[in-house]
Amino acid sequence: MKDILKEDRFNIISDNDKAFIIAFDKELTSLGYHFDGNIGSGYCWGKYMVIYYKKGVKSKKVYARIYIRDKSIVLRLFLSKIDLHKGYIENAPEHIKKVFVGDYGNCNRCHNDKAGICKFRKTYTIYNQLIEKCNGRTFEFYNPSLDKLPDYINLFSEFYSRKRK
């Protein structure tokens, strides 16, 4: 990862953001996840994107992405079955918790409703409050930093631990 980020096209990334990307990559690699060695187009999410998959499986399920934008990065974790992790989230640091309970990504009942059910809606309960988020805009951490990296990795591990709970 370190060598890839030396390419001229990544001069838009600050040294702090590069350090975060390198450290996050190292942590996810140690947990059994990887990106395919290619930092591709970010499409509508940013200039470039790093996509993480599980090592050694044919499935191309996405577990995490880093969106690289002109002046910042965004870490996005792909998390499901939120209710099973309610206790963890309710006791998480504020910068983790707010992604689950804050207004960003709230479901706005867009055109994707079919018979009253949206296939893109994530519904869960935190603090006994029903929360509905749009799956296209969930669990994004803006301007992630090295000092918060352990919290992101702990959250990721909570959802994707190798041990069954």
N, C-alpha and C. Protein backbone atom coordinates (compact mmCIF):
# COMPACT_ATOMS: atom_id res chain seq x y z
N MET A 1 0.83 -1.20 0.00
CA MET A 1 0.00 0.00 0.00
C MET A 1 0.87 1.25 0.00
N LYS A 2 1.92 1.22 0.80
CA LYS A 2 2.78 2.38 0.92
C LYS A 2 3.34 2.81 -0.45
N ASP A 3 3.77 1.84 -1.25
CA ASP A 3 4.33 2.14 -2.57
C ASP A 3 3.27 2.67 -3.52
N ILE A 4 2.08 2.11 -3.45
CA ILE A 4 1.00 2.57 -4.33
C ILE A 4 0.68 4.04 -4.06
N LEU A 5 0.64 4.42 -2.79
CA LEU A 5 0.29 5.79 -2.44
C LEU A 5 1.36 6.81 -2.83
N LYS A 6 2.53 6.34 -3.28
CA LYS A 6 3.58 7.23 -3.76
C LYS A 6 3.34 7.69 -5.20
N GLU A 7 2.39 7.04 -5.88
CA GLU A 7 2.08 7.44 -7.25
C GLU A 7 1.62 8.89 -7.29
N ASP A 8 1.98 9.60 -8.36
CA ASP A 8 1.65 11.02 -8.49
C ASP A 8 0.16 11.31 -8.33
N ARG A 9 -0.69 10.41 -8.80
CA ARG A 9 -2.13 10.66 -8.73
C ARG A 9 -2.63 10.77 -7.29
N PHE A 10 -1.85 10.29 -6.33
CA PHE A 10 -2.26 10.35 -4.94
C PHE A 10 -1.64 11.53 -4.19
N ASN A 11 -1.08 12.47 -4.92
CA ASN A 11 -0.56 13.69 -4.28
C ASN A 11 -1.67 14.52 -3.66
N ILE A 12 -2.92 14.24 -4.01
CA ILE A 12 -4.06 14.95 -3.44
C ILE A 12 -4.31 14.55 -1.98
N ILE A 13 -3.70 13.45 -1.55
CA ILE A 13 -3.93 12.92 -0.21
C ILE A 13 -2.89 13.49 0.75
N SER A 14 -3.34 13.99 1.88
CA SER A 14 -2.41 14.53 2.89
C SER A 14 -1.57 13.41 3.48
N ASP A 15 -0.46 13.77 4.06
CA ASP A 15 0.40 12.77 4.71
C ASP A 15 -0.34 12.05 5.84
N ASN A 16 -1.16 12.79 6.58
CA ASN A 16 -1.94 12.17 7.67
C ASN A 16 -2.93 11.15 7.12
N ASP A 17 -3.59 11.49 6.02
CA ASP A 17 -4.54 10.55 5.42
C ASP A 17 -3.83 9.33 4.84
N LYS A 18 -2.66 9.55 4.24
CA LYS A 18 -1.87 8.41 3.74
C LYS A 18 -1.47 7.50 4.89
N ALA A 19 -1.06 8.09 6.00
CA ALA A 19 -0.67 7.29 7.17
C ALA A 19 -1.87 6.48 7.67
N PHE A 20 -3.05 7.09 7.67
CA PHE A 20 -4.25 6.37 8.10
C PHE A 20 -4.53 5.20 7.16
N ILE A 21 -4.49 5.44 5.86
CA ILE A 21 -4.78 4.39 4.88
C ILE A 21 -3.81 3.22 5.05
N ILE A 22 -2.54 3.52 5.22
CA ILE A 22 -1.52 2.48 5.38
C ILE A 22 -1.78 1.68 6.66
N ALA A 23 -2.07 2.37 7.75
CA ALA A 23 -2.32 1.70 9.03
C ALA A 23 -3.62 0.88 8.99
N PHE A 24 -4.66 1.44 8.38
CA PHE A 24 -5.93 0.71 8.26
C PHE A 24 -5.74 -0.54 7.42
N ASP A 25 -5.01 -0.41 6.33
CA ASP A 25 -4.73 -1.55 5.46
C ASP A 25 -3.99 -2.65 6.23
N LYS A 26 -3.02 -2.26 7.01
CA LYS A 26 -2.25 -3.23 7.80
C LYS A 26 -3.15 -3.96 8.80
N GLU A 27 -4.02 -3.21 9.46
CA GLU A 27 -4.93 -3.81 10.45
C GLU A 27 -5.92 -4.76 9.78
N LEU A 28 -6.53 -4.34 8.68
CA LEU A 28 -7.49 -5.22 8.02
C LEU A 28 -6.81 -6.45 7.44
N THR A 29 -5.61 -6.29 6.92
CA THR A 29 -4.86 -7.43 6.40
C THR A 29 -4.63 -8.44 7.52
N SER A 30 -4.29 -7.96 8.71
CA SER A 30 -4.04 -8.87 9.83
C SER A 30 -5.32 -9.60 10.27
N LEU A 31 -6.48 -9.02 9.95
CA LEU A 31 -7.76 -9.64 10.30
C LEU A 31 -8.28 -10.57 9.21
N GLY A 32 -7.54 -10.64 8.08
CA GLY A 32 -7.94 -11.54 7.01
C GLY A 32 -8.70 -10.89 5.87
N TYR A 33 -8.59 -9.58 5.75
CA TYR A 33 -9.26 -8.84 4.68
C TYR A 33 -8.20 -8.14 3.85
N HIS A 34 -8.51 -7.84 2.60
CA HIS A 34 -7.52 -7.22 1.73
C HIS A 34 -8.20 -6.44 0.62
N PHE A 35 -7.42 -5.59 -0.04
CA PHE A 35 -7.87 -4.99 -1.29
C PHE A 35 -7.06 -5.67 -2.37
N ASP A 36 -7.54 -5.62 -3.58
CA ASP A 36 -6.92 -6.41 -4.65
C ASP A 36 -5.65 -5.80 -5.24
N GLY A 37 -5.10 -4.79 -4.59
CA GLY A 37 -3.87 -4.16 -5.08
C GLY A 37 -4.12 -3.03 -6.06
N ASN A 38 -5.38 -2.79 -6.36
CA ASN A 38 -5.75 -1.76 -7.31
C ASN A 38 -6.61 -0.70 -6.61
N ILE A 39 -6.16 0.52 -6.65
CA ILE A 39 -6.98 1.63 -6.16
C ILE A 39 -7.63 2.22 -7.39
N GLY A 40 -8.92 1.97 -7.52
CA GLY A 40 -9.64 2.34 -8.73
C GLY A 40 -10.43 3.61 -8.61
N SER A 41 -11.22 3.86 -9.62
CA SER A 41 -12.08 5.03 -9.68
C SER A 41 -13.04 5.04 -8.50
N GLY A 42 -13.30 6.21 -7.99
CA GLY A 42 -14.24 6.35 -6.88
C GLY A 42 -15.66 6.60 -7.33
N TYR A 43 -15.85 6.69 -8.64
CA TYR A 43 -17.18 6.95 -9.20
C TYR A 43 -17.77 8.18 -8.55
N CYS A 44 -18.95 8.09 -8.01
CA CYS A 44 -19.60 9.27 -7.42
C CYS A 44 -19.18 9.52 -5.97
N TRP A 45 -18.39 8.61 -5.38
CA TRP A 45 -18.02 8.74 -3.96
C TRP A 45 -16.72 9.51 -3.76
N GLY A 46 -15.94 9.69 -4.78
CA GLY A 46 -14.68 10.38 -4.66
C GLY A 46 -13.84 10.13 -5.89
N LYS A 47 -12.65 10.65 -5.87
CA LYS A 47 -11.76 10.49 -7.02
C LYS A 47 -11.29 9.04 -7.17
N TYR A 48 -10.95 8.42 -6.03
CA TYR A 48 -10.47 7.03 -6.01
C TYR A 48 -11.13 6.28 -4.87
N MET A 49 -10.99 4.95 -4.92
CA MET A 49 -11.60 4.14 -3.88
C MET A 49 -10.77 2.87 -3.65
N VAL A 50 -10.59 2.53 -2.37
CA VAL A 50 -9.96 1.28 -1.97
C VAL A 50 -11.09 0.40 -1.45
N ILE A 51 -11.18 -0.82 -1.96
CA ILE A 51 -12.26 -1.73 -1.57
C ILE A 51 -11.66 -2.96 -0.90
N TYR A 52 -12.20 -3.32 0.26
CA TYR A 52 -11.70 -4.46 1.02
C TYR A 52 -12.66 -5.64 0.95
N TYR A 53 -12.07 -6.81 0.69
CA TYR A 53 -12.77 -8.09 0.61
C TYR A 53 -12.16 -9.05 1.61
N LYS A 54 -12.81 -10.18 1.84
CA LYS A 54 -12.25 -11.22 2.68
C LYS A 54 -11.28 -12.04 1.86
N LYS A 55 -10.12 -12.32 2.43
CA LYS A 55 -9.10 -13.13 1.75
C LYS A 55 -9.58 -14.56 1.60
N GLY A 56 -9.23 -15.17 0.47
CA GLY A 56 -9.43 -16.59 0.28
C GLY A 56 -10.84 -17.05 -0.01
N VAL A 57 -11.74 -16.14 -0.32
CA VAL A 57 -13.10 -16.53 -0.69
C VAL A 57 -13.43 -15.97 -2.06
N LYS A 58 -14.27 -16.66 -2.79
CA LYS A 58 -14.63 -16.23 -4.14
C LYS A 58 -15.62 -15.08 -4.12
N SER A 59 -16.41 -14.98 -3.08
CA SER A 59 -17.41 -13.92 -2.99
C SER A 59 -16.73 -12.55 -3.03
N LYS A 60 -17.35 -11.62 -3.68
CA LYS A 60 -16.81 -10.27 -3.75
C LYS A 60 -17.57 -9.33 -2.83
N LYS A 61 -18.04 -9.87 -1.69
CA LYS A 61 -18.73 -9.04 -0.72
C LYS A 61 -17.77 -7.96 -0.22
N VAL A 62 -18.23 -6.73 -0.19
CA VAL A 62 -17.43 -5.61 0.26
C VAL A 62 -17.61 -5.45 1.77
N TYR A 63 -16.50 -5.34 2.48
CA TYR A 63 -16.53 -5.17 3.94
C TYR A 63 -16.20 -3.75 4.36
N ALA A 64 -15.37 -3.08 3.58
CA ALA A 64 -14.99 -1.71 3.89
C ALA A 64 -14.52 -1.02 2.61
N ARG A 65 -14.62 0.29 2.62
CA ARG A 65 -14.09 1.11 1.52
C ARG A 65 -13.46 2.35 2.12
N ILE A 66 -12.46 2.83 1.44
CA ILE A 66 -11.92 4.16 1.74
C ILE A 66 -12.13 4.98 0.48
N TYR A 67 -12.91 6.04 0.60
CA TYR A 67 -13.13 6.96 -0.51
C TYR A 67 -12.07 8.04 -0.43
N ILE A 68 -11.35 8.23 -1.51
CA ILE A 68 -10.31 9.25 -1.58
C ILE A 68 -10.85 10.42 -2.37
N ARG A 69 -10.97 11.55 -1.71
CA ARG A 69 -11.50 12.76 -2.32
C ARG A 69 -10.37 13.76 -2.50
N ASP A 70 -10.68 14.88 -3.10
CA ASP A 70 -9.64 15.87 -3.39
C ASP A 70 -8.90 16.35 -2.15
N LYS A 71 -9.58 16.52 -1.04
CA LYS A 71 -8.91 17.07 0.14
C LYS A 71 -9.16 16.27 1.40
N SER A 72 -9.73 15.07 1.26
CA SER A 72 -10.02 14.27 2.45
C SER A 72 -10.29 12.83 2.05
N ILE A 73 -10.42 12.00 3.08
CA ILE A 73 -10.82 10.61 2.87
C ILE A 73 -12.04 10.32 3.73
N VAL A 74 -12.76 9.28 3.35
CA VAL A 74 -13.91 8.81 4.12
C VAL A 74 -13.76 7.30 4.27
N LEU A 75 -13.92 6.81 5.48
CA LEU A 75 -13.92 5.38 5.75
C LEU A 75 -15.37 4.94 5.82
N ARG A 76 -15.71 3.92 5.06
CA ARG A 76 -17.06 3.37 5.11
C ARG A 76 -16.98 1.89 5.45
N LEU A 77 -17.71 1.51 6.48
CA LEU A 77 -17.79 0.11 6.87
C LEU A 77 -19.15 -0.43 6.46
N PHE A 78 -19.18 -1.64 5.95
CA PHE A 78 -20.42 -2.27 5.52
C PHE A 78 -20.87 -3.21 6.63
N LEU A 79 -21.85 -2.77 7.39
CA LEU A 79 -22.28 -3.47 8.59
C LEU A 79 -23.74 -3.86 8.49
N SER A 80 -24.06 -5.04 8.98
CA SER A 80 -25.43 -5.55 8.96
C SER A 80 -25.79 -6.11 10.32
N LYS A 81 -27.05 -6.42 10.48
CA LYS A 81 -27.56 -7.00 11.73
C LYS A 81 -27.16 -6.14 12.93
N ILE A 82 -27.47 -4.86 12.80
CA ILE A 82 -27.07 -3.86 13.79
C ILE A 82 -27.63 -4.19 15.17
N ASP A 83 -28.87 -4.67 15.22
CA ASP A 83 -29.49 -4.96 16.52
C ASP A 83 -28.68 -5.96 17.35
N LEU A 84 -27.97 -6.87 16.70
CA LEU A 84 -27.16 -7.84 17.43
C LEU A 84 -25.97 -7.19 18.14
N HIS A 85 -25.65 -5.96 17.75
CA HIS A 85 -24.48 -5.25 18.29
C HIS A 85 -24.89 -3.98 19.04
N LYS A 86 -26.16 -3.91 19.39
CA LYS A 86 -26.73 -2.73 20.04
C LYS A 86 -25.94 -2.33 21.30
N GLY A 87 -25.64 -3.28 22.16
CA GLY A 87 -24.91 -2.98 23.40
C GLY A 87 -23.55 -2.38 23.12
N TYR A 88 -22.87 -2.92 22.13
CA TYR A 88 -21.55 -2.39 21.76
C TYR A 88 -21.69 -0.94 21.29
N ILE A 89 -22.65 -0.69 20.42
CA ILE A 89 -22.82 0.65 19.85
C ILE A 89 -23.21 1.65 20.93
N GLU A 90 -24.11 1.26 21.80
CA GLU A 90 -24.56 2.18 22.86
C GLU A 90 -23.42 2.56 23.80
N ASN A 91 -22.40 1.73 23.89
CA ASN A 91 -21.25 2.01 24.77
C ASN A 91 -20.00 2.45 24.01
N ALA A 92 -20.13 2.69 22.73
CA ALA A 92 -18.98 3.07 21.90
C ALA A 92 -18.63 4.54 22.10
N PRO A 93 -17.41 4.94 21.71
CA PRO A 93 -17.06 6.36 21.76
C PRO A 93 -18.03 7.19 20.90
N GLU A 94 -18.19 8.42 21.24
CA GLU A 94 -19.17 9.30 20.57
C GLU A 94 -18.99 9.34 19.05
N HIS A 95 -17.75 9.39 18.56
CA HIS A 95 -17.52 9.48 17.11
C HIS A 95 -17.95 8.21 16.38
N ILE A 96 -18.06 7.10 17.08
CA ILE A 96 -18.58 5.86 16.49
C ILE A 96 -20.11 5.87 16.60
N LYS A 97 -20.59 6.16 17.79
CA LYS A 97 -22.02 6.13 18.07
C LYS A 97 -22.81 7.07 17.15
N LYS A 98 -22.28 8.26 16.90
CA LYS A 98 -23.05 9.25 16.13
C LYS A 98 -23.34 8.80 14.70
N VAL A 99 -22.50 7.94 14.15
CA VAL A 99 -22.74 7.42 12.81
C VAL A 99 -23.99 6.54 12.79
N PHE A 100 -24.28 5.90 13.89
CA PHE A 100 -25.46 5.03 13.99
C PHE A 100 -26.72 5.79 14.40
N VAL A 101 -26.59 6.82 15.24
CA VAL A 101 -27.77 7.49 15.77
C VAL A 101 -27.97 8.92 15.26
N GLY A 102 -26.98 9.49 14.61
CA GLY A 102 -27.09 10.85 14.09
C GLY A 102 -28.02 10.93 12.89
N ASP A 103 -28.26 12.14 12.43
CA ASP A 103 -29.19 12.38 11.32
C ASP A 103 -28.64 11.99 9.96
N TYR A 104 -27.30 11.98 9.81
CA TYR A 104 -26.74 11.69 8.49
C TYR A 104 -27.14 10.29 8.02
N GLY A 105 -27.62 10.22 6.82
CA GLY A 105 -28.00 8.93 6.24
C GLY A 105 -29.39 8.46 6.58
N ASN A 106 -30.17 9.32 7.27
CA ASN A 106 -31.53 8.91 7.60
C ASN A 106 -32.31 8.59 6.33
N CYS A 107 -33.16 7.59 6.41
CA CYS A 107 -33.99 7.18 5.28
C CYS A 107 -35.00 8.28 4.99
N ASN A 108 -35.07 8.68 3.74
CA ASN A 108 -36.00 9.72 3.33
C ASN A 108 -37.17 9.17 2.51
N ARG A 109 -37.36 7.86 2.55
CA ARG A 109 -38.46 7.22 1.83
C ARG A 109 -38.41 7.56 0.34
N CYS A 110 -37.28 7.24 -0.25
CA CYS A 110 -37.10 7.54 -1.68
C CYS A 110 -37.91 6.59 -2.55
N HIS A 111 -37.69 6.65 -3.81
CA HIS A 111 -38.45 5.89 -4.81
C HIS A 111 -38.21 4.38 -4.77
N ASN A 112 -37.38 3.90 -3.90
CA ASN A 112 -37.06 2.47 -3.87
C ASN A 112 -38.04 1.63 -3.07
N ASP A 113 -39.10 2.25 -2.55
CA ASP A 113 -40.10 1.49 -1.81
C ASP A 113 -40.87 0.55 -2.72
N LYS A 114 -40.98 -0.70 -2.31
CA LYS A 114 -41.78 -1.71 -3.00
C LYS A 114 -42.71 -2.31 -1.96
N ALA A 115 -43.99 -2.06 -2.12
CA ALA A 115 -44.98 -2.56 -1.16
C ALA A 115 -44.65 -2.11 0.26
N GLY A 116 -44.17 -0.88 0.39
CA GLY A 116 -43.87 -0.32 1.70
C GLY A 116 -42.53 -0.73 2.30
N ILE A 117 -41.76 -1.53 1.58
CA ILE A 117 -40.46 -1.98 2.08
C ILE A 117 -39.38 -1.56 1.10
N CYS A 118 -38.40 -0.88 1.60
CA CYS A 118 -37.28 -0.44 0.76
C CYS A 118 -36.13 -1.42 0.92
N LYS A 119 -35.64 -1.92 -0.18
CA LYS A 119 -34.53 -2.88 -0.10
C LYS A 119 -33.22 -2.21 0.32
N PHE A 120 -33.20 -0.88 0.33
CA PHE A 120 -31.99 -0.15 0.71
C PHE A 120 -32.06 0.41 2.12
N ARG A 121 -33.14 0.14 2.84
CA ARG A 121 -33.32 0.69 4.19
C ARG A 121 -32.70 -0.24 5.23
N LYS A 122 -31.90 0.33 6.10
CA LYS A 122 -31.36 -0.39 7.26
C LYS A 122 -32.18 0.08 8.46
N THR A 123 -32.80 -0.85 9.14
CA THR A 123 -33.64 -0.54 10.29
C THR A 123 -33.09 -1.26 11.51
N TYR A 124 -32.94 -0.52 12.60
CA TYR A 124 -32.44 -1.09 13.85
C TYR A 124 -32.87 -0.21 15.01
N THR A 125 -32.63 -0.68 16.22
CA THR A 125 -33.03 0.03 17.43
C THR A 125 -31.79 0.28 18.29
N ILE A 126 -31.59 1.53 18.63
CA ILE A 126 -30.52 1.94 19.55
C ILE A 126 -31.17 2.84 20.60
N TYR A 127 -30.84 2.64 21.87
CA TYR A 127 -31.46 3.39 22.96
C TYR A 127 -32.98 3.33 22.88
N ASN A 128 -33.51 2.17 22.53
CA ASN A 128 -34.96 1.94 22.41
C ASN A 128 -35.63 2.87 21.39
N GLN A 129 -34.86 3.39 20.46
CA GLN A 129 -35.40 4.25 19.40
C GLN A 129 -35.21 3.54 18.06
N LEU A 130 -36.29 3.44 17.29
CA LEU A 130 -36.21 2.87 15.96
C LEU A 130 -35.48 3.84 15.04
N ILE A 131 -34.47 3.33 14.36
CA ILE A 131 -33.67 4.15 13.45
C ILE A 131 -33.73 3.52 12.07
N GLU A 132 -33.95 4.36 11.07
CA GLU A 132 -33.98 3.90 9.69
C GLU A 132 -32.97 4.71 8.89
N LYS A 133 -32.01 4.03 8.32
CA LYS A 133 -30.96 4.67 7.52
C LYS A 133 -31.04 4.19 6.09
N CYS A 134 -30.56 5.01 5.18
CA CYS A 134 -30.45 4.62 3.79
C CYS A 134 -29.14 3.86 3.62
N ASN A 135 -29.23 2.63 3.16
CA ASN A 135 -28.04 1.79 3.03
C ASN A 135 -27.00 2.39 2.08
N GLY A 136 -27.39 3.30 1.23
CA GLY A 136 -26.43 3.95 0.33
C GLY A 136 -25.60 5.01 1.01
N ARG A 137 -25.97 5.37 2.24
CA ARG A 137 -25.27 6.45 2.95
C ARG A 137 -25.08 6.12 4.43
N THR A 138 -24.72 4.88 4.72
CA THR A 138 -24.58 4.49 6.12
C THR A 138 -23.14 4.20 6.51
N PHE A 139 -22.88 4.39 7.78
CA PHE A 139 -21.65 3.98 8.43
C PHE A 139 -20.41 4.54 7.75
N GLU A 140 -20.48 5.85 7.48
CA GLU A 140 -19.37 6.59 6.89
C GLU A 140 -18.71 7.43 7.96
N PHE A 141 -17.39 7.36 8.03
CA PHE A 141 -16.60 8.11 9.01
C PHE A 141 -15.75 9.11 8.25
N TYR A 142 -16.12 10.38 8.37
CA TYR A 142 -15.43 11.44 7.64
C TYR A 142 -14.14 11.83 8.37
N ASN A 143 -13.12 12.10 7.59
CA ASN A 143 -11.81 12.52 8.11
C ASN A 143 -11.31 11.58 9.21
N PRO A 144 -11.26 10.29 8.93
CA PRO A 144 -10.75 9.36 9.95
C PRO A 144 -9.29 9.67 10.27
N SER A 145 -8.89 9.40 11.50
CA SER A 145 -7.53 9.72 11.92
C SER A 145 -6.89 8.54 12.64
N LEU A 146 -5.58 8.58 12.70
CA LEU A 146 -4.83 7.50 13.35
C LEU A 146 -5.21 7.32 14.81
N ASP A 147 -5.49 8.42 15.50
CA ASP A 147 -5.83 8.29 16.92
C ASP A 147 -7.17 7.57 17.13
N LYS A 148 -8.04 7.57 16.12
CA LYS A 148 -9.32 6.87 16.22
C LYS A 148 -9.28 5.49 15.56
N LEU A 149 -8.17 5.15 14.95
CA LEU A 149 -8.06 3.86 14.26
C LEU A 149 -8.42 2.67 15.15
N PRO A 150 -7.96 2.61 16.39
CA PRO A 150 -8.35 1.46 17.23
C PRO A 150 -9.87 1.34 17.39
N ASP A 151 -10.57 2.46 17.44
CA ASP A 151 -12.03 2.43 17.57
C ASP A 151 -12.68 1.87 16.30
N TYR A 152 -12.16 2.25 15.13
CA TYR A 152 -12.71 1.72 13.87
C TYR A 152 -12.44 0.22 13.76
N ILE A 153 -11.25 -0.19 14.15
CA ILE A 153 -10.90 -1.61 14.08
C ILE A 153 -11.71 -2.42 15.09
N ASN A 154 -11.90 -1.88 16.28
CA ASN A 154 -12.74 -2.58 17.27
C ASN A 154 -14.17 -2.72 16.77
N LEU A 155 -14.69 -1.68 16.14
CA LEU A 155 -16.04 -1.74 15.58
C LEU A 155 -16.09 -2.80 14.48
N PHE A 156 -15.14 -2.77 13.58
CA PHE A 156 -15.08 -3.76 12.50
C PHE A 156 -15.01 -5.18 13.08
N SER A 157 -14.18 -5.36 14.07
CA SER A 157 -14.01 -6.68 14.70
C SER A 157 -15.28 -7.13 15.42
N GLU A 158 -16.00 -6.19 16.00
CA GLU A 158 -17.27 -6.51 16.65
C GLU A 158 -18.22 -7.17 15.65
N PHE A 159 -18.25 -6.66 14.43
CA PHE A 159 -19.17 -7.18 13.42
C PHE A 159 -18.59 -8.38 12.66
N TYR A 160 -17.29 -8.42 12.53
CA TYR A 160 -16.67 -9.46 11.69
C TYR A 160 -15.63 -10.29 12.43
N SER A 161 -15.88 -10.54 13.70
CA SER A 161 -14.99 -11.37 14.47
C SER A 161 -14.96 -12.78 13.90
N ARG A 162 -13.82 -13.41 13.96
CA ARG A 162 -13.69 -14.80 13.47
C ARG A 162 -14.39 -15.77 14.40
N LYS A 163 -14.56 -15.38 15.64
CA LYS A 163 -15.24 -16.24 16.61
C LYS A 163 -16.73 -16.00 16.54
N ARG A 164 -17.50 -17.05 16.59
CA ARG A 164 -18.97 -16.94 16.64
C ARG A 164 -19.38 -16.53 18.05
N LYS A 165 -20.32 -15.64 18.11
CA LYS A 165 -20.82 -15.20 19.42
C LYS A 165 -22.02 -15.98 19.83
